[in-house]
C-alpha atoms as a PDB file:
ATOM      1  CA  MET A   1       8.567  15.612  24.281  1.00  0.00           C
ATOM      2  CA  VAL A   2       5.144  14.590  26.194  1.00  0.00           C
ATOM      3  CA  ALA A   3       4.096  16.265  29.125  1.00  0.00           C
ATOM      4  CA  LEU A   4       1.024  14.452  31.403  1.00  0.00           C
ATOM      5  CA  GLY A   5       0.585  16.024  34.607  1.00  0.00           C
ATOM      6  CA  SER A   6       3.774  15.293  36.509  1.00  0.00           C
ATOM      7  CA  LEU A   7       4.853  12.752  33.789  1.00  0.00           C
ATOM      8  CA  PHE A   8       7.848  14.228  31.428  1.00  0.00           C
ATOM      9  CA  VAL A   9       9.422  12.172  28.330  1.00  0.00           C
ATOM     10  CA  CYS A  10      11.916  14.180  26.545  1.00  0.00           C
ATOM     11  CA  LEU A  11      12.216  11.647  23.517  1.00  0.00           C
ATOM     12  CA  SER A  12      11.734  12.521  19.806  1.00  0.00           C
ATOM     13  CA  ASP A  13       8.733  11.935  17.830  1.00  0.00           C
ATOM     14  CA  ALA A  14      10.508   9.212  15.626  1.00  0.00           C
ATOM     15  CA  THR A  15      11.379   7.819  18.798  1.00  0.00           C
ATOM     16  CA  LEU A  16       8.063   7.432  20.885  1.00  0.00           C
ATOM     17  CA  ILE A  17       6.723   6.592  17.450  1.00  0.00           C
ATOM     18  CA  THR A  18       8.269   3.729  17.484  1.00  0.00           C
ATOM     19  CA  HIS A  19       7.409   2.234  20.596  1.00  0.00           C
ATOM     20  CA  ARG A  20       5.511  -0.918  21.047  1.00  0.00           C
ATOM     21  CA  GLY A  21       4.004  -2.216  24.007  1.00  0.00           C
ATOM     22  CA  PRO A  22       4.086  -5.615  25.082  1.00  0.00           C
ATOM     23  CA  ARG A  23       0.383  -6.139  24.112  1.00  0.00           C
ATOM     24  CA  ASP A  24       0.242  -3.320  20.932  1.00  0.00           C
ATOM     25  CA  ALA A  25      -0.709  -4.779  17.450  1.00  0.00           C
ATOM     26  CA  CYS A  26       1.414  -1.991  15.928  1.00  0.00           C
ATOM     27  CA  ASP A  27       3.875   0.683  16.856  1.00  0.00           C
ATOM     28  CA  GLY A  28       2.953   3.947  18.312  1.00  0.00           C
ATOM     29  CA  VAL A  29      -0.209   2.975  19.915  1.00  0.00           C
ATOM     30  CA  GLN A  30       1.154   4.043  23.456  1.00  0.00           C
ATOM     31  CA  LEU A  31       1.793   7.630  21.985  1.00  0.00           C
ATOM     32  CA  VAL A  32      -1.492   8.071  20.371  1.00  0.00           C
ATOM     33  CA  LEU A  33      -3.236   7.362  23.870  1.00  0.00           C
ATOM     34  CA  THR A  34      -0.465   9.332  25.467  1.00  0.00           C
ATOM     35  CA  ALA A  35      -1.455  12.403  22.719  1.00  0.00           C
ATOM     36  CA  LEU A  36      -5.346  11.729  24.039  1.00  0.00           C
ATOM     37  CA  ARG A  37      -5.066  11.926  26.955  1.00  0.00           C
ATOM     38  CA  GLY A  38      -2.687  14.716  27.095  1.00  0.00           C
ATOM     39  CA  GLN A  39      -4.855  16.981  24.832  1.00  0.00           C
ATOM     40  CA  LEU A  40      -8.291  15.652  26.949  1.00  0.00           C
ATOM     41  CA  PHE A  41      -6.089  16.904  29.987  1.00  0.00           C
ATOM     42  CA  ALA A  42      -5.081  20.419  28.470  1.00  0.00           C
ATOM     43  CA  LEU A  43      -8.610  21.131  27.114  1.00  0.00           C
ATOM     44  CA  LEU A  44     -10.095  20.584  30.085  1.00  0.00           C
ATOM     45  CA  SER A  45      -7.800  22.373  32.155  1.00  0.00           C
ATOM     46  CA  SER A  46      -8.865  26.023  33.812  1.00  0.00           C
ATOM     47  CA  ASP A  47      -5.452  27.483  32.688  1.00  0.00           C
ATOM     48  CA  GLU A  48      -5.387  29.157  28.933  1.00  0.00           C
ATOM     49  CA  SER A  49      -1.936  28.761  28.570  1.00  0.00           C
ATOM     50  CA  ILE A  50      -2.073  24.879  29.475  1.00  0.00           C
ATOM     51  CA  ARG A  51      -5.796  24.751  27.203  1.00  0.00           C
ATOM     52  CA  ALA A  52      -4.180  26.632  24.224  1.00  0.00           C
ATOM     53  CA  THR A  53      -1.708  23.662  23.865  1.00  0.00           C
ATOM     54  CA  ALA A  54      -4.739  21.368  22.908  1.00  0.00           C
ATOM     55  CA  PHE A  55      -5.428  23.870  20.036  1.00  0.00           C
ATOM     56  CA  VAL A  56      -1.791  23.813  19.263  1.00  0.00           C
ATOM     57  CA  TRP A  57      -1.256  19.983  18.944  1.00  0.00           C
ATOM     58  CA  HIS A  58      -4.795  19.905  17.327  1.00  0.00           C
ATOM     59  CA  GLY A  59      -4.693  16.664  14.531  1.00  0.00           C
ATOM     60  CA  LEU A  60      -1.484  15.542  15.775  1.00  0.00           C
ATOM     61  CA  GLY A  61      -2.902  12.236  17.191  1.00  0.00           C
ATOM     62  CA  PHE A  62      -4.672  11.245  13.616  1.00  0.00           C
ATOM     63  CA  TYR A  63      -0.823  12.254  12.248  1.00  0.00           C
ATOM     64  CA  TRP A  64       0.887   9.738  14.525  1.00  0.00           C
ATOM     65  CA  ALA A  65      -1.918   6.720  13.816  1.00  0.00           C
ATOM     66  CA  ARG A  66      -1.757   7.117  10.216  1.00  0.00           C
ATOM     67  CA  THR A  67       1.986   7.326  10.178  1.00  0.00           C
ATOM     68  CA  CYS A  68       1.925   4.172  12.502  1.00  0.00           C
ATOM     69  CA  GLY A  69      -0.272   2.530   9.990  1.00  0.00           C
ATOM     70  CA  MET A  70      -3.286   2.092  12.908  1.00  0.00           C
ATOM     71  CA  TYR A  71      -5.804   2.792  10.550  1.00  0.00           C
ATOM     72  CA  THR A  72      -5.690  -0.965   9.299  1.00  0.00           C
ATOM     73  CA  VAL A  73      -7.568  -2.590  12.786  1.00  0.00           C
ATOM     74  CA  GLY A  74      -7.838  -6.006  11.969  1.00  0.00           C
ATOM     75  CA  GLU A  75     -11.070  -8.078  12.940  1.00  0.00           C
ATOM     76  CA  LEU A  76     -11.605 -10.809  15.200  1.00  0.00           C
ATOM     77  CA  SER A  77     -14.695 -13.338  16.195  1.00  0.00           C
ATOM     78  CA  ILE A  78     -15.874 -15.106  18.878  1.00  0.00           C
ATOM     79  CA  PRO A  79     -13.302 -18.015  19.445  1.00  0.00           C
ATOM     80  CA  GLY A  80     -14.296 -21.382  18.618  1.00  0.00           C
ATOM     81  CA  PRO A  81     -14.269 -23.618  21.792  1.00  0.00           C
ATOM     82  CA  SER A  82     -10.824 -25.684  20.259  1.00  0.00           C
ATOM     83  CA  GLN A  83      -8.937 -22.013  20.364  1.00  0.00           C
ATOM     84  CA  GLU A  84      -6.811 -20.606  23.626  1.00  0.00           C
ATOM     85  CA  LEU A  85      -9.187 -18.225  24.915  1.00  0.00           C
ATOM     86  CA  GLN A  86      -6.613 -16.387  26.763  1.00  0.00           C
ATOM     87  CA  ALA A  87      -4.867 -15.836  24.083  1.00  0.00           C
ATOM     88  CA  HIS A  88      -7.545 -14.827  21.754  1.00  0.00           C
ATOM     89  CA  TRP A  89      -9.103 -11.901  24.403  1.00  0.00           C
ATOM     90  CA  HIS A  90      -5.734 -10.594  24.603  1.00  0.00           C
ATOM     91  CA  ARG A  91      -5.311 -10.032  20.858  1.00  0.00           C
ATOM     92  CA  TRP A  92      -8.945  -8.728  20.888  1.00  0.00           C
ATOM     93  CA  ARG A  93      -8.692  -6.605  23.371  1.00  0.00           C
ATOM     94  CA  THR A  94      -5.176  -5.189  21.514  1.00  0.00           C
ATOM     95  CA  LEU A  95      -6.886  -4.516  18.257  1.00  0.00           C
ATOM     96  CA  GLU A  96      -9.750  -3.023  20.236  1.00  0.00           C
ATOM     97  CA  THR A  97      -7.556  -0.885  22.226  1.00  0.00           C
ATOM     98  CA  GLN A  98      -5.999   0.546  18.769  1.00  0.00           C
ATOM     99  CA  LYS A  99      -9.582   1.178  17.328  1.00  0.00           C
ATOM    100  CA  ARG A 100     -10.391   3.040  20.762  1.00  0.00           C
ATOM    101  CA  ALA A 101      -7.838   5.164  20.542  1.00  0.00           C
ATOM    102  CA  ILE A 102      -7.949   6.411  17.161  1.00  0.00           C
ATOM    103  CA  LEU A 103     -11.610   7.065  17.893  1.00  0.00           C
ATOM    104  CA  GLY A 104     -11.097   8.726  20.899  1.00  0.00           C
ATOM    105  CA  HIS A 105      -9.166  11.529  18.806  1.00  0.00           C
ATOM    106  CA  TYR A 106     -12.262  11.392  16.894  1.00  0.00           C
ATOM    107  CA  VAL A 107     -14.246  12.738  19.597  1.00  0.00           C
ATOM    108  CA  LEU A 108     -11.608  15.000  21.051  1.00  0.00           C
ATOM    109  CA  ASP A 109     -11.501  16.778  17.346  1.00  0.00           C
ATOM    110  CA  GLY A 110     -14.940  17.379  17.670  1.00  0.00           C
ATOM    111  CA  LEU A 111     -14.635  18.643  21.143  1.00  0.00           C
ATOM    112  CA  ILE A 112     -11.294  21.131  20.384  1.00  0.00           C
ATOM    113  CA  SER A 113     -13.417  22.499  17.291  1.00  0.00           C
ATOM    114  CA  GLN A 114     -16.162  23.565  19.115  1.00  0.00           C
ATOM    115  CA  THR A 115     -13.888  25.111  21.558  1.00  0.00           C
ATOM    116  CA  SER A 116     -11.578  26.718  19.121  1.00  0.00           C
ATOM    117  CA  GLY A 117     -13.907  27.864  16.758  1.00  0.00           C
ATOM    118  CA  SER A 118     -11.411  25.795  14.000  1.00  0.00           C
ATOM    119  CA  PRO A 119     -12.787  23.201  11.567  1.00  0.00           C
ATOM    120  CA  THR A 120     -12.080  19.339  12.490  1.00  0.00           C
ATOM    121  CA  SER A 121      -9.054  17.499  11.736  1.00  0.00           C
ATOM    122  CA  ALA A 122     -10.589  14.618  10.661  1.00  0.00           C
ATOM    123  CA  ARG A 123     -13.558  14.034   8.071  1.00  0.00           C
ATOM    124  CA  HIS A 124     -15.723  12.444  10.410  1.00  0.00           C
ATOM    125  CA  LEU A 125     -18.548  11.573   7.801  1.00  0.00           C
ATOM    126  CA  ILE A 126     -16.417   9.467   5.588  1.00  0.00           C
ATOM    127  CA  SER A 127     -14.339   7.693   8.437  1.00  0.00           C
ATOM    128  CA  SER A 128     -13.064   4.230   7.162  1.00  0.00           C
ATOM    129  CA  LEU A 129     -12.700   3.157  10.675  1.00  0.00           C
ATOM    130  CA  PRO A 130     -15.061   0.127  11.745  1.00  0.00           C
ATOM    131  CA  THR A 131     -17.195   0.702  15.152  1.00  0.00           C
ATOM    132  CA  ALA A 132     -16.255   0.008  18.485  1.00  0.00           C
ATOM    133  CA  SER A 133     -17.538  -3.190  19.977  1.00  0.00           C
ATOM    134  CA  SER A 134     -19.662  -3.796  22.862  1.00  0.00           C
ATOM    135  CA  ASP A 135     -18.053  -1.726  25.735  1.00  0.00           C
ATOM    136  CA  ALA A 136     -19.106  -4.085  28.542  1.00  0.00           C
ATOM    137  CA  ALA A 137     -16.825  -6.682  26.656  1.00  0.00           C
ATOM    138  CA  PHE A 138     -14.073  -4.261  26.392  1.00  0.00           C
ATOM    139  CA  GLN A 139     -14.115  -3.946  30.194  1.00  0.00           C
ATOM    140  CA  ALA A 140     -14.015  -7.181  31.288  1.00  0.00           C
ATOM    141  CA  THR A 141     -11.185  -8.043  33.463  1.00  0.00           C
ATOM    142  CA  THR A 142     -10.894 -11.878  32.583  1.00  0.00           C
ATOM    143  CA  ALA A 143     -11.310 -14.073  29.295  1.00  0.00           C
ATOM    144  CA  ASP A 144     -14.345 -15.700  30.683  1.00  0.00           C
ATOM    145  CA  GLU A 145     -15.755 -12.448  31.325  1.00  0.00           C
ATOM    146  CA  TRP A 146     -15.142 -11.408  28.183  1.00  0.00           C
ATOM    147  CA  LEU A 147     -16.214 -14.742  26.525  1.00  0.00           C
ATOM    148  CA  LYS A 148     -20.025 -14.010  28.661  1.00  0.00           C
ATOM    149  CA  HIS A 149     -20.503 -10.882  27.342  1.00  0.00           C
ATOM    150  CA  MET A 150     -19.539 -11.387  23.847  1.00  0.00           C
ATOM    151  CA  GLN A 151     -21.898 -14.578  23.287  1.00  0.00           C
ATOM    152  CA  GLN A 152     -24.800 -12.289  25.243  1.00  0.00           C
ATOM    153  CA  PRO A 153     -27.525 -11.520  22.255  1.00  0.00           C
ATOM    154  CA  LEU A 154     -27.000  -8.241  20.556  1.00  0.00           C
ATOM    155  CA  ALA A 155     -23.474  -8.006  22.617  1.00  0.00           C
ATOM    156  CA  TYR A 156     -21.192  -9.132  19.596  1.00  0.00           C
ATOM    157  CA  LEU A 157     -21.848  -6.066  17.257  1.00  0.00           C
ATOM    158  CA  PRO A 158     -20.867  -6.701  13.423  1.00  0.00           C
ATOM    159  CA  SER A 159     -18.531  -4.113  12.417  1.00  0.00           C
ATOM    160  CA  VAL A 160     -19.744  -1.795  10.235  1.00  0.00           C
ATOM    161  CA  LEU A 161     -17.893   1.308   8.955  1.00  0.00           C
ATOM    162  CA  PHE A 162     -18.570   5.216  10.618  1.00  0.00           C
ATOM    163  CA  SER A 163     -18.942   5.968   6.695  1.00  0.00           C
ATOM    164  CA  GLU A 164     -21.869   3.433   6.768  1.00  0.00           C
ATOM    165  CA  VAL A 165     -23.140   4.489  10.396  1.00  0.00           C
ATOM    166  CA  TYR A 166     -23.361   7.766   8.648  1.00  0.00           C
ATOM    167  CA  VAL A 167     -25.371   6.992   5.584  1.00  0.00           C
ATOM    168  CA  SER A 168     -27.943   4.997   7.056  1.00  0.00           C
ATOM    169  CA  ILE A 169     -29.141   7.499   9.974  1.00  0.00           C
ATOM    170  CA  PHE A 170     -30.252   9.438   7.185  1.00  0.00           C
ATOM    171  CA  SER A 171     -31.967   6.895   5.491  1.00  0.00           C
ATOM    172  CA  PRO A 172     -35.454   7.039   5.228  1.00  0.00           C
ATOM    173  CA  THR A 173     -35.652   3.233   6.939  1.00  0.00           C
ATOM    174  CA  TYR A 174     -33.157   3.984   9.774  1.00  0.00           C
ATOM    175  CA  ARG A 175     -36.405   4.416  11.878  1.00  0.00           C
ATOM    176  CA  THR A 176     -37.733   0.479  10.856  1.00  0.00           C
ATOM    177  CA  TYR A 177     -34.091  -0.725  11.161  1.00  0.00           C
ATOM    178  CA  PRO A 178     -31.633   1.037  13.591  1.00  0.00           C
ATOM    179  CA  LEU A 179     -27.958   0.122  14.469  1.00  0.00           C
ATOM    180  CA  ASN A 180     -27.145  -1.584  17.410  1.00  0.00           C
ATOM    181  CA  LEU A 181     -24.100   0.376  18.581  1.00  0.00           C
ATOM    182  CA  SER A 182     -21.818   0.591  21.395  1.00  0.00           C
ATOM    183  CA  SER A 183     -22.135   4.006  23.834  1.00  0.00           C
ATOM    184  CA  PHE A 184     -18.622   4.845  22.352  1.00  0.00           C
ATOM    185  CA  SER A 185     -19.398   4.985  19.034  1.00  0.00           C
ATOM    186  CA  ILE A 186     -22.503   6.777  19.789  1.00  0.00           C
ATOM    187  CA  PHE A 187     -20.193   9.439  21.449  1.00  0.00           C
ATOM    188  CA  VAL A 188     -17.891   9.018  18.294  1.00  0.00           C
ATOM    189  CA  VAL A 189     -21.389   9.379  15.440  1.00  0.00           C
ATOM    190  CA  ILE A 190     -22.421  12.140  17.981  1.00  0.00           C
ATOM    191  CA  GLU A 191     -19.147  14.636  17.689  1.00  0.00           C
ATOM    192  CA  GLY A 192     -19.510  13.430  14.383  1.00  0.00           C
ATOM    193  CA  LEU A 193     -22.358  15.635  13.412  1.00  0.00           C
END
């Protein structure tokens, strides 16, 4: 059962977890995104009974993501001149959306933990998820615009695991060699600290 604002869907978790959108890389992406939106709405609500639902369902998005195999996120490089740009862009957006859905739960996990006083549901410092790609590239509305953003210097961020990000932040050489992270990845890192 999912309720988001005035939208109400009454299906079992087993049915929702096997749903796959037309461009989803795996099952459950839509469910994990809906859980993220619903918990965020609940957490920001001024009604305490609605806010309590964010605490009750704390960690459920991580469970669904694990169950669906969403933690295995593929990586795509910039397409070569012979590749079909439109198809490559759609595939890249699919994988990036999958990654950002889980990373959004990491941000939400820290916020719920701070608000409720309970520990986080996930261990942020040992996360094996890769960092998010460029925010401008993710927000591109066409394949050509996406390619333009991906070809800019420092726009194509190499994928680094979040566990490696935390290790490098506390390294004595970090000031000399800081990481180039997207704004979204920085939010995830800050919530993990």
